[in-house]
Amino acid sequence: MLNDLFGGWHILIVLAIVVLLFGATRLPALARSLGQSRNAFKSEMKKGEESAEAKDAASPTIASDETTNTTPKP
């Protein structure tokens, strides 16, 4: 998909600009921090999904025939 938008030369020019802006010594630290941020985001999303599934499993389900009955149960 990226190759459809940009050719090989475009990507090389963008990479050269990034190296000029950040410097070759700071790029590994930048890539490391981006990877750590991505991993933290993925783990938090996984925790959120697990807690939502646990919350859904803990909540009782109501049968459809119980919702139509308006008289209180003894």
C-alpha atoms as a PDB file:
ATOM      1  CA  MET A   1       0.000   0.000   0.000  1.00  0.00           C
ATOM      2  CA  LEU A   2       2.819   2.378   0.852  1.00  0.00           C
ATOM      3  CA  ASN A   3       4.481   1.560  -2.438  1.00  0.00           C
ATOM      4  CA  ASP A   4       1.318   2.613  -4.243  1.00  0.00           C
ATOM      5  CA  LEU A   5       1.543   6.106  -2.754  1.00  0.00           C
ATOM      6  CA  PHE A   6       5.294   6.585  -2.802  1.00  0.00           C
ATOM      7  CA  GLY A   7       7.964   5.271  -5.120  1.00  0.00           C
ATOM      8  CA  GLY A   8      11.352   4.070  -3.991  1.00  0.00           C
ATOM      9  CA  TRP A   9      12.930   7.489  -4.465  1.00  0.00           C
ATOM     10  CA  HIS A  10      10.284   9.201  -2.348  1.00  0.00           C
ATOM     11  CA  ILE A  11      10.922   6.879   0.579  1.00  0.00           C
ATOM     12  CA  LEU A  12      14.694   7.391   0.295  1.00  0.00           C
ATOM     13  CA  ILE A  13      14.287  11.174   0.294  1.00  0.00           C
ATOM     14  CA  VAL A  14      12.031  11.069   3.362  1.00  0.00           C
ATOM     15  CA  LEU A  15      14.513   8.814   5.180  1.00  0.00           C
ATOM     16  CA  ALA A  16      17.373  11.168   4.292  1.00  0.00           C
ATOM     17  CA  ILE A  17      15.418  14.136   5.682  1.00  0.00           C
ATOM     18  CA  VAL A  18      14.680  12.207   8.892  1.00  0.00           C
ATOM     19  CA  VAL A  19      18.377  11.398   9.310  1.00  0.00           C
ATOM     20  CA  LEU A  20      19.285  15.050   8.752  1.00  0.00           C
ATOM     21  CA  LEU A  21      16.684  16.276  11.248  1.00  0.00           C
ATOM     22  CA  PHE A  22      17.324  13.815  14.069  1.00  0.00           C
ATOM     23  CA  GLY A  23      20.892  12.729  13.420  1.00  0.00           C
ATOM     24  CA  ALA A  24      22.119   9.190  13.009  1.00  0.00           C
ATOM     25  CA  THR A  25      22.982   8.841  16.707  1.00  0.00           C
ATOM     26  CA  ARG A  26      19.471   9.660  17.926  1.00  0.00           C
ATOM     27  CA  LEU A  27      17.598   7.409  15.484  1.00  0.00           C
ATOM     28  CA  PRO A  28      18.105   4.126  17.433  1.00  0.00           C
ATOM     29  CA  ALA A  29      16.809   5.761  20.615  1.00  0.00           C
ATOM     30  CA  LEU A  30      13.846   7.197  18.704  1.00  0.00           C
ATOM     31  CA  ALA A  31      13.034   3.799  17.181  1.00  0.00           C
ATOM     32  CA  ARG A  32      13.372   2.121  20.591  1.00  0.00           C
ATOM     33  CA  SER A  33      11.004   4.588  22.244  1.00  0.00           C
ATOM     34  CA  LEU A  34       8.475   4.162  19.428  1.00  0.00           C
ATOM     35  CA  GLY A  35       8.633   0.382  19.853  1.00  0.00           C
ATOM     36  CA  GLN A  36       8.166   0.637  23.611  1.00  0.00           C
ATOM     37  CA  SER A  37       5.204   2.975  23.140  1.00  0.00           C
ATOM     38  CA  ARG A  38       3.632   0.575  20.648  1.00  0.00           C
ATOM     39  CA  ASN A  39       4.118  -2.376  23.013  1.00  0.00           C
ATOM     40  CA  ALA A  40       2.623  -0.452  25.927  1.00  0.00           C
ATOM     41  CA  PHE A  41      -0.366   0.543  23.807  1.00  0.00           C
ATOM     42  CA  LYS A  42      -0.953  -3.041  22.667  1.00  0.00           C
ATOM     43  CA  SER A  43      -0.725  -4.400  26.213  1.00  0.00           C
ATOM     44  CA  GLU A  44      -3.174  -1.787  27.518  1.00  0.00           C
ATOM     45  CA  MET A  45      -5.600  -2.587  24.694  1.00  0.00           C
ATOM     46  CA  LYS A  46      -5.335  -6.281  25.545  1.00  0.00           C
ATOM     47  CA  LYS A  47      -5.992  -5.556  29.229  1.00  0.00           C
ATOM     48  CA  GLY A  48      -9.016  -3.460  28.278  1.00  0.00           C
ATOM     49  CA  GLU A  49     -10.433  -6.240  26.120  1.00  0.00           C
ATOM     50  CA  GLU A  50      -9.875  -8.814  28.865  1.00  0.00           C
ATOM     51  CA  SER A  51     -11.579  -6.643  31.476  1.00  0.00           C
ATOM     52  CA  ALA A  52     -14.508  -6.011  29.125  1.00  0.00           C
ATOM     53  CA  GLU A  53     -14.859  -9.749  28.512  1.00  0.00           C
ATOM     54  CA  ALA A  54     -14.689 -10.439  32.252  1.00  0.00           C
ATOM     55  CA  LYS A  55     -17.283  -7.764  32.909  1.00  0.00           C
ATOM     56  CA  ASP A  56     -19.590  -9.253  30.266  1.00  0.00           C
ATOM     57  CA  ALA A  57     -19.139 -12.747  31.699  1.00  0.00           C
ATOM     58  CA  ALA A  58     -19.879 -11.558  35.236  1.00  0.00           C
ATOM     59  CA  SER A  59     -23.096  -9.726  34.354  1.00  0.00           C
ATOM     60  CA  PRO A  60     -26.195 -11.928  34.420  1.00  0.00           C
ATOM     61  CA  THR A  61     -28.170 -12.257  31.233  1.00  0.00           C
ATOM     62  CA  ILE A  62     -31.914 -11.767  31.259  1.00  0.00           C
ATOM     63  CA  ALA A  63     -34.094 -14.155  29.301  1.00  0.00           C
ATOM     64  CA  SER A  64     -36.445 -12.527  26.843  1.00  0.00           C
ATOM     65  CA  ASP A  65     -39.571 -13.928  28.543  1.00  0.00           C
ATOM     66  CA  GLU A  66     -38.555 -12.274  31.830  1.00  0.00           C
ATOM     67  CA  THR A  67     -38.513  -8.827  30.272  1.00  0.00           C
ATOM     68  CA  THR A  68     -42.135  -9.012  29.140  1.00  0.00           C
ATOM     69  CA  ASN A  69     -43.456  -9.964  32.592  1.00  0.00           C
ATOM     70  CA  THR A  70     -44.213  -6.754  34.510  1.00  0.00           C
ATOM     71  CA  THR A  71     -45.516  -8.355  37.702  1.00  0.00           C
ATOM     72  CA  PRO A  72     -43.018  -8.476  40.592  1.00  0.00           C
ATOM     73  CA  LYS A  73     -41.785 -11.894  41.627  1.00  0.00           C
ATOM     74  CA  PRO A  74     -42.374 -12.959  45.238  1.00  0.00           C
END
